[in-house]
Protein backbone atom coordinates (compact mmCIF):
# COMPACT_ATOMS: atom_id res chain seq x y z
CA MET A 1 78.25 99.11 96.87
CA ALA A 2 81.26 97.28 98.29
CA GLN A 3 83.15 100.56 98.60
CA HIS A 4 80.32 102.02 100.69
CA THR A 5 80.39 98.97 102.96
CA ARG A 6 84.16 99.30 103.45
CA ALA A 7 83.83 103.01 104.22
CA THR A 8 81.12 102.26 106.78
CA TRP A 9 83.26 99.55 108.39
CA LEU A 10 86.25 101.90 108.51
CA ALA A 11 84.18 104.65 110.13
CA GLN A 12 82.91 102.22 112.77
CA ALA A 13 86.43 100.93 113.43
CA VAL A 14 87.65 104.47 114.02
CA GLN A 15 84.83 105.17 116.47
CA HIS A 16 85.31 101.96 118.47
CA GLN A 17 89.07 101.50 118.30
CA GLY A 18 90.34 105.07 118.26
CA SER A 19 92.12 106.73 115.40
CA GLY A 20 95.62 106.37 116.88
CA ASP A 21 95.86 102.59 116.58
CA LEU A 22 94.17 102.50 113.19
CA LEU A 23 96.43 105.24 111.84
CA ARG A 24 99.51 103.39 113.09
CA VAL A 25 98.43 100.18 111.33
CA VAL A 26 97.63 102.02 108.09
CA LEU A 27 101.02 103.77 108.09
CA ILE A 28 102.92 100.54 108.74
CA VAL A 29 101.05 98.74 105.95
CA MET A 30 101.74 101.64 103.57
CA VAL A 31 105.47 101.71 104.33
CA VAL A 32 105.85 97.93 103.99
CA GLY A 33 103.81 97.94 100.79
CA CYS A 34 105.88 100.74 99.25
CA ALA A 35 109.12 98.98 100.18
CA LEU A 36 107.97 95.70 98.63
CA THR A 37 106.70 97.45 95.50
CA GLY A 38 110.01 99.28 95.09
CA TRP A 39 111.96 96.07 95.57
CA VAL A 40 109.89 94.21 92.99
CA LEU A 41 110.15 97.02 90.44
CA LEU A 42 113.82 97.78 90.94
CA ARG A 43 115.10 94.19 90.94
CA GLY A 44 114.19 93.99 87.25
CA TYR A 45 116.72 96.73 86.49
CA LYS A 46 119.58 94.84 88.16
CA ARG A 47 120.81 92.61 85.33
CA ASN A 48 124.30 91.44 84.47
CA ASP A 49 125.24 91.54 80.79
CA GLU A 50 128.03 88.99 81.03
């Protein structure tokens, strides 16, 4: 039920705000999220065996 509510909210946001601004925000969040996820995952592989 919560998923349906989110989809309805997203559809209304696109109608009122315009898809350009919403798409820009979604893309920025995706890029930042991917960068942070990569940093968190890859920093575990950087270990010194001294």
